PDB file of N, CA and C in Angstrom:
ATOM      1  N   MET A   1       0.682  -1.107  -0.341  1.00  0.00           N
ATOM      2  CA  MET A   1       0.240   0.031  -0.574  1.00  0.00           C
ATOM      3  C   MET A   1       0.935   1.059   0.048  1.00  0.00           C
ATOM      4  N   ILE A   2       0.689   2.170  -0.601  1.00  0.00           N
ATOM      5  CA  ILE A   2       1.109   3.353  -0.372  1.00  0.00           C
ATOM      6  C   ILE A   2       0.709   4.847   0.057  1.00  0.00           C
ATOM      7  N   ASN A   3       1.279   5.428  -0.127  1.00  0.00           N
ATOM      8  CA  ASN A   3       0.114   6.462   0.856  1.00  0.00           C
ATOM      9  C   ASN A   3      -0.396   7.669   0.326  1.00  0.00           C
ATOM     10  N   ILE A   4      -1.815   8.111  -0.024  1.00  0.00           N
ATOM     11  CA  ILE A   4      -2.148   9.415  -0.770  1.00  0.00           C
ATOM     12  C   ILE A   4      -3.003  10.326  -0.501  1.00  0.00           C
ATOM     13  N   ILE A   5      -2.714  10.769  -0.979  1.00  0.00           N
ATOM     14  CA  ILE A   5      -3.538  12.487  -0.898  1.00  0.00           C
ATOM     15  C   ILE A   5      -4.522  12.672  -1.796  1.00  0.00           C
ATOM     16  N   ILE A   6      -5.592  12.847  -1.200  1.00  0.00           N
ATOM     17  CA  ILE A   6      -6.799  13.457  -2.135  1.00  0.00           C
ATOM     18  C   ILE A   6      -7.596  14.931  -1.806  1.00  0.00           C
ATOM     19  N   THR A   7      -7.579  15.891  -2.662  1.00  0.00           N
ATOM     20  CA  THR A   7      -8.630  16.508  -2.520  1.00  0.00           C
ATOM     21  C   THR A   7      -9.735  16.748  -3.685  1.00  0.00           C
ATOM     22  N   LEU A   8     -10.175  16.920  -2.208  1.00  0.00           N
ATOM     23  CA  LEU A   8     -11.388  17.229  -2.943  1.00  0.00           C
ATOM     24  C   LEU A   8     -12.940  18.243  -3.551  1.00  0.00           C
ATOM     25  N   SER A   9     -13.521  17.838  -4.252  1.00  0.00           N
ATOM     26  CA  SER A   9     -14.020  18.661  -5.117  1.00  0.00           C
ATOM     27  C   SER A   9     -14.326  19.515  -4.044  1.00  0.00           C
ATOM     28  N   ASP A  10     -15.202  21.034  -4.189  1.00  0.00           N
ATOM     29  CA  ASP A  10     -16.313  22.134  -2.806  1.00  0.00           C
ATOM     30  C   ASP A  10     -17.692  21.446  -2.719  1.00  0.00           C
ATOM     31  N   THR A  11     -18.201  20.238  -4.236  1.00  0.00           N
ATOM     32  CA  THR A  11     -19.223  19.041  -3.415  1.00  0.00           C
ATOM     33  C   THR A  11     -18.795  17.925  -2.293  1.00  0.00           C
ATOM     34  N   GLY A  12     -17.835  17.317  -2.785  1.00  0.00           N
ATOM     35  CA  GLY A  12     -17.490  16.621  -2.217  1.00  0.00           C
ATOM     36  C   GLY A  12     -16.608  17.084  -0.533  1.00  0.00           C
ATOM     37  N   ASN A  13     -16.271  18.236  -0.424  1.00  0.00           N
ATOM     38  CA  ASN A  13     -15.811  17.837   0.860  1.00  0.00           C
ATOM     39  C   ASN A  13     -17.231  18.665   1.909  1.00  0.00           C
ATOM     40  N   LYS A  14     -18.536  19.240   1.024  1.00  0.00           N
ATOM     41  CA  LYS A  14     -19.667  19.473   1.663  1.00  0.00           C
ATOM     42  C   LYS A  14     -20.399  18.041   2.072  1.00  0.00           C
ATOM     43  N   ASN A  15     -20.191  17.479   1.326  1.00  0.00           N
ATOM     44  CA  ASN A  15     -21.033  15.884   1.567  1.00  0.00           C
ATOM     45  C   ASN A  15     -20.032  14.927   2.796  1.00  0.00           C
ATOM     46  N   LEU A  16     -18.848  15.275   3.106  1.00  0.00           N
ATOM     47  CA  LEU A  16     -17.644  14.494   3.672  1.00  0.00           C
ATOM     48  C   LEU A  16     -18.619  13.807   4.397  1.00  0.00           C
ATOM     49  N   ALA A  17     -19.384  12.646   5.139  1.00  0.00           N
ATOM     50  CA  ALA A  17     -19.548  11.312   5.390  1.00  0.00           C
ATOM     51  C   ALA A  17     -19.421  11.261   4.204  1.00  0.00           C
ATOM     52  N   LYS A  18     -20.614  10.875   3.607  1.00  0.00           N
ATOM     53  CA  LYS A  18     -20.407  10.106   1.921  1.00  0.00           C
ATOM     54  C   LYS A  18     -19.674  10.171   1.083  1.00  0.00           C
ATOM     55  N   THR A  19     -18.735  11.323   1.094  1.00  0.00           N
ATOM     56  CA  THR A  19     -17.202  10.999   1.149  1.00  0.00           C
ATOM     57  C   THR A  19     -16.779  10.599   1.239  1.00  0.00           C
ATOM     58  N   LYS A  20     -15.669  10.397   2.138  1.00  0.00           N
ATOM     59  CA  LYS A  20     -15.371   9.253   3.068  1.00  0.00           C
ATOM     60  C   LYS A  20     -15.873   7.436   3.174  1.00  0.00           C
ATOM     61  N   THR A  21     -17.037   7.206   3.168  1.00  0.00           N
ATOM     62  CA  THR A  21     -17.572   6.026   2.509  1.00  0.00           C
ATOM     63  C   THR A  21     -16.974   5.638   1.603  1.00  0.00           C
ATOM     64  N   GLU A  22     -17.715   6.677   0.303  1.00  0.00           N
ATOM     65  CA  GLU A  22     -17.235   6.374  -0.915  1.00  0.00           C
ATOM     66  C   GLU A  22     -15.875   5.961  -1.188  1.00  0.00           C
ATOM     67  N   LEU A  23     -14.488   7.007  -1.042  1.00  0.00           N
ATOM     68  CA  LEU A  23     -13.630   6.766  -1.001  1.00  0.00           C
ATOM     69  C   LEU A  23     -13.009   5.085  -0.653  1.00  0.00           C
ATOM     70  N   GLU A  24     -13.548   5.444   0.416  1.00  0.00           N
ATOM     71  CA  GLU A  24     -13.572   3.417   1.663  1.00  0.00           C
ATOM     72  C   GLU A  24     -13.685   1.863   0.523  1.00  0.00           C
ATOM     73  N   LYS A  25     -15.426   2.451  -0.192  1.00  0.00           N
ATOM     74  CA  LYS A  25     -15.740   1.014  -0.952  1.00  0.00           C
ATOM     75  C   LYS A  25     -14.755   1.100  -1.802  1.00  0.00           C
ATOM     76  N   SER A  26     -14.168   2.150  -2.503  1.00  0.00           N
ATOM     77  CA  SER A  26     -12.978   2.255  -4.096  1.00  0.00           C
ATOM     78  C   SER A  26     -11.681   1.507  -3.444  1.00  0.00           C
ATOM     79  N   GLY A  27     -11.327   1.050  -1.867  1.00  0.00           N
ATOM     80  CA  GLY A  27      -9.900   0.304  -2.149  1.00  0.00           C
ATOM     81  C   GLY A  27      -9.595   1.663  -0.507  1.00  0.00           C
ATOM     82  N   LEU A  28      -9.648   2.635  -0.727  1.00  0.00           N
ATOM     83  CA  LEU A  28      -8.789   3.803   0.122  1.00  0.00           C
ATOM     84  C   LEU A  28      -9.371   2.883   1.840  1.00  0.00           C
ATOM     85  N   THR A  29      -7.982   3.352   2.537  1.00  0.00           N
ATOM     86  CA  THR A  29      -7.479   3.571   4.406  1.00  0.00           C
ATOM     87  C   THR A  29      -7.656   5.280   4.213  1.00  0.00           C
ATOM     88  N   VAL A  30      -8.646   5.205   4.879  1.00  0.00           N
ATOM     89  CA  VAL A  30      -8.478   7.181   5.444  1.00  0.00           C
ATOM     90  C   VAL A  30      -7.720   6.642   6.524  1.00  0.00           C
ATOM     91  N   THR A  31      -6.154   7.376   6.581  1.00  0.00           N
ATOM     92  CA  THR A  31      -5.787   8.437   7.747  1.00  0.00           C
ATOM     93  C   THR A  31      -6.328   9.650   8.434  1.00  0.00           C
ATOM     94  N   GLN A  32      -6.350  10.152   7.445  1.00  0.00           N
ATOM     95  CA  GLN A  32      -6.871  11.219   7.703  1.00  0.00           C
ATOM     96  C   GLN A  32      -7.659  12.194   7.769  1.00  0.00           C
ATOM     97  N   VAL A  33      -8.976  12.959   7.396  1.00  0.00           N
ATOM     98  CA  VAL A  33      -9.395  13.663   7.430  1.00  0.00           C
ATOM     99  C   VAL A  33      -8.492  15.455   7.276  1.00  0.00           C
ATOM    100  N   LEU A  34      -9.318  16.313   6.466  1.00  0.00           N
ATOM    101  CA  LEU A  34      -8.570  17.393   6.575  1.00  0.00           C
ATOM    102  C   LEU A  34      -9.471  18.626   5.989  1.00  0.00           C
ATOM    103  N   LYS A  35     -11.210  18.169   6.775  1.00  0.00           N
ATOM    104  CA  LYS A  35     -12.085  18.840   6.824  1.00  0.00           C
ATOM    105  C   LYS A  35     -11.674  19.957   6.021  1.00  0.00           C
ATOM    106  N   ASN A  36     -11.167  21.506   6.151  1.00  0.00           N
ATOM    107  CA  ASN A  36     -10.969  22.964   6.668  1.00  0.00           C
ATOM    108  C   ASN A  36     -10.265  23.128   4.836  1.00  0.00           C
ATOM    109  N   ILE A  37      -9.680  22.510   4.378  1.00  0.00           N
ATOM    110  CA  ILE A  37      -9.360  22.491   3.475  1.00  0.00           C
ATOM    111  C   ILE A  37      -9.416  21.289   2.532  1.00  0.00           C
ATOM    112  N   GLY A  38     -10.345  20.632   2.867  1.00  0.00           N
ATOM    113  CA  GLY A  38     -10.720  19.223   1.424  1.00  0.00           C
ATOM    114  C   GLY A  38      -9.895  18.084   1.034  1.00  0.00           C
ATOM    115  N   ILE A  39      -9.064  18.172   2.106  1.00  0.00           N
ATOM    116  CA  ILE A  39      -7.700  16.992   1.667  1.00  0.00           C
ATOM    117  C   ILE A  39      -8.100  15.364   2.314  1.00  0.00           C
ATOM    118  N   ILE A  40      -8.673  15.010   2.244  1.00  0.00           N
ATOM    119  CA  ILE A  40      -7.922  13.354   3.080  1.00  0.00           C
ATOM    120  C   ILE A  40      -7.165  12.666   2.659  1.00  0.00           C
ATOM    121  N   HIS A  41      -6.689  12.482   3.139  1.00  0.00           N
ATOM    122  CA  HIS A  41      -5.055  10.965   3.680  1.00  0.00           C
ATOM    123  C   HIS A  41      -5.294   9.720   4.027  1.00  0.00           C
ATOM    124  N   GLY A  42      -4.409   9.020   2.957  1.00  0.00           N
ATOM    125  CA  GLY A  42      -5.436   7.444   3.465  1.00  0.00           C
ATOM    126  C   GLY A  42      -4.489   6.185   2.299  1.00  0.00           C
ATOM    127  N   LYS A  43      -5.177   5.634   2.283  1.00  0.00           N
ATOM    128  CA  LYS A  43      -3.590   4.371   2.469  1.00  0.00           C
ATOM    129  C   LYS A  43      -4.701   3.638   1.376  1.00  0.00           C
ATOM    130  N   ALA A  44      -3.533   2.828  -0.116  1.00  0.00           N
ATOM    131  CA  ALA A  44      -3.800   1.647  -1.264  1.00  0.00           C
ATOM    132  C   ALA A  44      -3.682   1.997  -1.980  1.00  0.00           C
ATOM    133  N   GLU A  45      -3.544   0.561  -3.145  1.00  0.00           N
ATOM    134  CA  GLU A  45      -2.789  -0.482  -3.163  1.00  0.00           C
ATOM    135  C   GLU A  45      -2.966   0.961  -4.173  1.00  0.00           C
ATOM    136  N   PRO A  46      -1.534   1.322  -5.541  1.00  0.00           N
ATOM    137  CA  PRO A  46      -1.039   1.173  -6.554  1.00  0.00           C
ATOM    138  C   PRO A  46      -2.141   1.378  -7.615  1.00  0.00           C
ATOM    139  N   GLY A  47      -2.953  -0.118  -7.613  1.00  0.00           N
ATOM    140  CA  GLY A  47      -4.130  -0.282  -8.492  1.00  0.00           C
ATOM    141  C   GLY A  47      -5.062   0.976  -8.906  1.00  0.00           C
ATOM    142  N   GLN A  48      -5.039   1.501  -7.464  1.00  0.00           N
ATOM    143  CA  GLN A  48      -6.589   1.199  -7.524  1.00  0.00           C
ATOM    144  C   GLN A  48      -7.284   3.576  -7.491  1.00  0.00           C
ATOM    145  N   MET A  49      -5.608   4.297  -7.291  1.00  0.00           N
ATOM    146  CA  MET A  49      -5.550   5.659  -7.723  1.00  0.00           C
ATOM    147  C   MET A  49      -6.177   5.685  -8.413  1.00  0.00           C
ATOM    148  N   LYS A  50      -6.435   5.541  -9.840  1.00  0.00           N
ATOM    149  CA  LYS A  50      -7.272   5.279 -10.865  1.00  0.00           C
ATOM    150  C   LYS A  50      -8.802   5.594 -11.011  1.00  0.00           C
ATOM    151  N   LYS A  51      -9.105   4.326 -10.526  1.00  0.00           N
ATOM    152  CA  LYS A  51     -10.448   4.227  -9.460  1.00  0.00           C
ATOM    153  C   LYS A  51     -11.080   5.979  -8.924  1.00  0.00           C
ATOM    154  N   LEU A  52      -9.570   5.835  -7.670  1.00  0.00           N
ATOM    155  CA  LEU A  52      -9.778   7.153  -7.042  1.00  0.00           C
ATOM    156  C   LEU A  52      -9.988   8.337  -7.543  1.00  0.00           C
ATOM    157  N   ALA A  53      -8.951   8.835  -8.972  1.00  0.00           N
ATOM    158  CA  ALA A  53      -8.970   9.610  -9.296  1.00  0.00           C
ATOM    159  C   ALA A  53     -10.646   9.591 -10.109  1.00  0.00           C
ATOM    160  N   ALA A  54     -11.324   8.894 -10.437  1.00  0.00           N
ATOM    161  CA  ALA A  54     -12.260   8.984 -11.824  1.00  0.00           C
ATOM    162  C   ALA A  54     -13.964   9.599 -10.671  1.00  0.00           C
ATOM    163  N   LEU A  55     -13.364   8.925  -9.389  1.00  0.00           N
ATOM    164  CA  LEU A  55     -14.950   9.738  -8.746  1.00  0.00           C
ATOM    165  C   LEU A  55     -15.215  11.178  -8.562  1.00  0.00           C
ATOM    166  N   ARG A  56     -16.238  11.167  -9.010  1.00  0.00           N
ATOM    167  CA  ARG A  56     -16.802  13.011  -9.389  1.00  0.00           C
ATOM    168  C   ARG A  56     -16.265  13.549  -8.657  1.00  0.00           C
ATOM    169  N   PHE A  57     -16.718  13.036  -6.999  1.00  0.00           N
ATOM    170  CA  PHE A  57     -16.144  14.433  -6.290  1.00  0.00           C
ATOM    171  C   PHE A  57     -14.895  14.840  -6.475  1.00  0.00           C
ATOM    172  N   VAL A  58     -13.885  13.729  -6.578  1.00  0.00           N
ATOM    173  CA  VAL A  58     -12.305  13.712  -6.950  1.00  0.00           C
ATOM    174  C   VAL A  58     -11.174  14.673  -7.566  1.00  0.00           C
ATOM    175  N   LYS A  59     -10.138  15.925  -7.540  1.00  0.00           N
ATOM    176  CA  LYS A  59     -10.246  16.512  -7.925  1.00  0.00           C
ATOM    177  C   LYS A  59      -8.791  16.060  -8.745  1.00  0.00           C
ATOM    178  N   SER A  60      -7.970  16.640  -7.722  1.00  0.00           N
ATOM    179  CA  SER A  60      -6.928  15.298  -7.607  1.00  0.00           C
ATOM    180  C   SER A  60      -6.897  13.845  -6.207  1.00  0.00           C
ATOM    181  N   VAL A  61      -5.919  12.669  -6.975  1.00  0.00           N
ATOM    182  CA  VAL A  61      -5.221  11.993  -6.425  1.00  0.00           C
ATOM    183  C   VAL A  61      -3.947  11.943  -6.621  1.00  0.00           C
ATOM    184  N   GLU A  62      -2.643  12.065  -5.530  1.00  0.00           N
ATOM    185  CA  GLU A  62      -1.674  11.798  -5.403  1.00  0.00           C
ATOM    186  C   GLU A  62      -0.965  10.808  -4.528  1.00  0.00           C
ATOM    187  N   ILE A  63       0.784  11.029  -4.439  1.00  0.00           N
ATOM    188  CA  ILE A  63       1.737   9.748  -3.466  1.00  0.00           C
ATOM    189  C   ILE A  63       1.843  10.048  -2.990  1.00  0.00           C
ATOM    190  N   SER A  64       1.674   9.863  -1.586  1.00  0.00           N
ATOM    191  CA  SER A  64       1.946  11.108  -0.511  1.00  0.00           C
ATOM    192  C   SER A  64       3.576  10.726  -0.251  1.00  0.00           C
ATOM    193  N   LYS A  65       4.602  11.601  -0.525  1.00  0.00           N
ATOM    194  CA  LYS A  65       6.035  11.857  -0.504  1.00  0.00           C
ATOM    195  C   LYS A  65       6.450  12.491   1.405  1.00  0.00           C
ATOM    196  N   SER A  66       7.029  11.015   1.532  1.00  0.00           N
ATOM    197  CA  SER A  66       7.836  12.836   3.182  1.00  0.00           C
ATOM    198  C   SER A  66       9.228  13.012   2.607  1.00  0.00           C
ATOM    199  N   MET A  67       9.074  13.881   4.478  1.00  0.00           N
ATOM    200  CA  MET A  67      10.646  14.683   3.679  1.00  0.00           C
ATOM    201  C   MET A  67      11.469  14.139   5.062  1.00  0.00           C
ATOM    202  N   SER A  68      11.932  14.715   4.496  1.00  0.00           N
ATOM    203  CA  SER A  68      13.079  14.680   6.854  1.00  0.00           C
ATOM    204  C   SER A  68      14.065  16.096   6.668  1.00  0.00           C
ATOM    205  N   ILE A  69      14.885  16.220   7.288  1.00  0.00           N
ATOM    206  CA  ILE A  69      15.655  17.611   8.012  1.00  0.00           C
ATOM    207  C   ILE A  69      16.669  16.805   9.142  1.00  0.00           C
ATOM    208  N   ALA A  70      17.248  17.189   8.192  1.00  0.00           N
ATOM    209  CA  ALA A  70      18.162  16.595   9.431  1.00  0.00           C
ATOM    210  C   ALA A  70      18.745  17.524  10.625  1.00  0.00           C
ATOM    211  N   PRO A  71      19.434  16.978  10.976  1.00  0.00           N
ATOM    212  CA  PRO A  71      19.329  17.830  12.565  1.00  0.00           C
ATOM    213  C   PRO A  71      20.632  19.468  12.916  1.00  0.00           C
ATOM    214  N   PRO A  72      19.742  20.052  14.125  1.00  0.00           N
ATOM    215  CA  PRO A  72      20.450  21.244  13.730  1.00  0.00           C
ATOM    216  C   PRO A  72      22.171  20.490  13.651  1.00  0.00           C
ATOM    217  N   ASP A  73      22.607  20.118  14.581  1.00  0.00           N
ATOM    218  CA  ASP A  73      23.659  19.446  15.003  1.00  0.00           C
ATOM    219  C   ASP A  73      24.998  19.219  13.841  1.00  0.00           C
ATOM    220  N   SER A  74      23.845  19.155  12.360  1.00  0.00           N
ATOM    221  CA  SER A  74      24.527  17.606  11.872  1.00  0.00           C
ATOM    222  C   SER A  74      25.297  18.517  10.898  1.00  0.00           C
ATOM    223  N   LEU A  75      26.604  18.471  10.326  1.00  0.00           N
ATOM    224  CA  LEU A  75      26.895  19.176   9.027  1.00  0.00           C
ATOM    225  C   LEU A  75      25.935  18.902   7.647  1.00  0.00           C
ATOM    226  N   ILE A  76      26.212  18.735   7.355  1.00  0.00           N
ATOM    227  CA  ILE A  76      24.583  19.463   6.036  1.00  0.00           C
ATOM    228  C   ILE A  76      23.597  19.275   6.107  1.00  0.00           C
ATOM    229  N   GLN A  77      22.885  21.133   5.739  1.00  0.00           N
ATOM    230  CA  GLN A  77      21.641  20.841   6.024  1.00  0.00           C
ATOM    231  C   GLN A  77      20.893  21.742   5.085  1.00  0.00           C
TER     232      GLN A  77
END
């Protein structure tokens, strides 16, 4: 499974409970909902991304990337 960020349309964000249920039925394991900005974080198989992106209330589906910052005392910043 990969971490995914889904940006919702205005309609999807207004009907958040229904939207979340539809995403889960389409293979997403929801890990976080950011209602104020219309974003849902979750996990899914890579093959599910097109299915999730095709839902009418989804604006975009992206793979979540992680970053890290070196400690302050590190030689390379």
